[in-house]
Amino acid sequence: MGIKILIMVEFIALVIALSSGLVFLLKDIGVPDSKRTLYALGTRVSLAALLMLTIAYGLQTGKLRSNAPWDQPRPAPAANH
């Protein structure tokens, strides 16, 4: 359960970084020396990489699993005699 909470926190931080980058982009239109948009982009890319690594770790260790129908085991075919 802890890894799911960590993934949700990382996702929320990713959305916040995305929205702050948009705000910085719109506010710093006339300021050529501002690097706030660039820093927000770097933060967003880092958070996205961390999120992907967390999901990969969860899948690899078995703490996360897929409930998709194509990932479920197939029932054994019935024997016709």
Protein backbone atom coordinates (compact mmCIF):
# COMPACT_ATOMS: atom_id res chain seq x y z
CA MET A 1 0.00 0.00 0.00
CA GLY A 2 2.92 2.34 0.70
CA ILE A 3 4.20 2.24 -2.86
CA LYS A 4 0.80 3.27 -4.20
CA ILE A 5 0.80 6.30 -1.90
CA LEU A 6 4.33 7.15 -3.04
CA ILE A 7 3.23 6.93 -6.68
CA MET A 8 0.26 9.22 -6.01
CA VAL A 9 2.48 11.78 -4.24
CA GLU A 10 4.96 11.70 -7.12
CA PHE A 11 2.15 12.12 -9.66
CA ILE A 12 0.69 15.10 -7.78
CA ALA A 13 4.17 16.66 -7.58
CA LEU A 14 4.52 16.10 -11.33
CA VAL A 15 1.24 17.90 -12.04
CA ILE A 16 2.29 20.78 -9.75
CA ALA A 17 5.62 21.08 -11.58
CA LEU A 18 3.79 21.06 -14.91
CA SER A 19 1.40 23.82 -13.84
CA SER A 20 4.17 25.92 -12.30
CA GLY A 21 6.11 25.68 -15.56
CA LEU A 22 3.08 27.01 -17.42
CA VAL A 23 2.71 29.87 -14.95
CA PHE A 24 6.40 30.75 -15.24
CA LEU A 25 6.19 30.58 -19.03
CA LEU A 26 3.27 33.00 -19.12
CA LYS A 27 4.67 35.38 -16.48
CA ASP A 28 8.20 35.56 -17.89
CA ILE A 29 7.31 36.38 -21.50
CA GLY A 30 9.17 39.72 -21.53
CA VAL A 31 12.06 38.63 -19.28
CA PRO A 32 14.81 37.07 -21.42
CA ASP A 33 17.13 36.17 -18.50
CA SER A 34 14.56 34.23 -16.48
CA LYS A 35 15.35 30.54 -16.09
CA ARG A 36 12.34 29.59 -14.00
CA THR A 37 10.64 27.79 -16.91
CA LEU A 38 13.82 25.83 -17.58
CA TYR A 39 14.11 24.80 -13.92
CA ALA A 40 10.45 23.76 -13.87
CA LEU A 41 11.07 21.62 -16.96
CA GLY A 42 14.08 19.98 -15.30
CA THR A 43 12.03 19.30 -12.18
CA ARG A 44 9.22 17.81 -14.23
CA VAL A 45 11.55 15.53 -16.18
CA SER A 46 13.24 14.39 -12.97
CA LEU A 47 9.89 13.67 -11.31
CA ALA A 48 8.69 11.75 -14.37
CA ALA A 49 11.85 9.61 -14.34
CA LEU A 50 11.42 9.00 -10.61
CA LEU A 51 7.79 8.02 -11.17
CA MET A 52 8.72 5.54 -13.90
CA LEU A 53 11.46 4.05 -11.73
CA THR A 54 9.05 3.70 -8.81
CA ILE A 55 6.49 1.93 -10.99
CA ALA A 56 9.17 -0.35 -12.45
CA TYR A 57 10.40 -1.18 -8.94
CA GLY A 58 6.86 -1.96 -7.81
CA LEU A 59 6.21 -4.25 -10.77
CA GLN A 60 9.58 -5.98 -10.45
CA THR A 61 9.21 -6.69 -6.72
CA GLY A 62 5.57 -7.73 -7.00
CA LYS A 63 4.23 -4.89 -4.88
CA LEU A 64 2.28 -3.70 -7.93
CA ARG A 65 0.52 -5.96 -10.37
CA SER A 66 -1.66 -5.58 -13.40
CA ASN A 67 -5.35 -6.42 -13.26
CA ALA A 68 -5.81 -6.15 -17.02
CA PRO A 69 -7.82 -9.01 -18.56
CA TRP A 70 -4.99 -9.99 -20.90
CA ASP A 71 -2.61 -10.41 -17.94
CA GLN A 72 -4.85 -12.88 -16.12
CA PRO A 73 -4.08 -16.60 -16.34
CA ARG A 74 -6.22 -18.46 -18.84
CA PRO A 75 -8.42 -21.30 -17.62
CA ALA A 76 -7.35 -24.76 -18.69
CA PRO A 77 -9.28 -26.05 -21.71
CA ALA A 78 -11.95 -28.58 -20.92
CA ALA A 79 -11.16 -32.14 -21.93
CA ASN A 80 -13.64 -33.42 -24.56
CA HIS A 81 -13.92 -37.20 -24.54
